[in-house]
């Protein structure tokens, strides 16, 4: 990529809102922590209550925002208490230590498969950048193109990339679009330029 500054896509408040872990109210807890039979069967492959609770939390957060989040059990205390009461008939749970990175990655892969979402690949990045280029032709305001991209990602079942990755993709798409327009201008007959 050329030496361009990253494109400003969203104000800080919107970035925080987009990438923040969901904080559920009571109705949302009832909705997002409702598990299908397939999800319950999948839960059975995890041995400890701690790994099961983590899976249920990550699953619910993915249902809400189609993203994965890093969190501790203390960060998500209200949701942990809800899950413990609903699924394990426990009113308190203090978990020592963390879930291993390997187990977290395993749970993410299972969730992606459950919802038929794609993992990030170079082919996918090229596909998303091409789509951004198309969007920029129809939506010259970056904010509008960004909103349309979120719809596209959801429809294509692609996990929302990090904000920095999106900035890089938009920056590259702007460079590509600028180059395309420059080529069109060069190919125009002299009298039409």
Foldseek 3Di string as FASTA:
>chain_A
DDPDDFDDQDPPVVLCVLPPQDDDDPVLLVVLLDDDPVRVVVLVVDDDPQLSLVLSSQLSSCVVRVAGDDDDCVRNVVSSQVCCCPPVVDRDDDDPDDDDPVSVVVSVVVSCVVVVADEDDPVVLVVLLVQLLVLCVVPVRSNVSVVVSVVVCVVNRYRDDRPVSVSVSNVVSVVVNVVVVVVVVVPDPPVVD
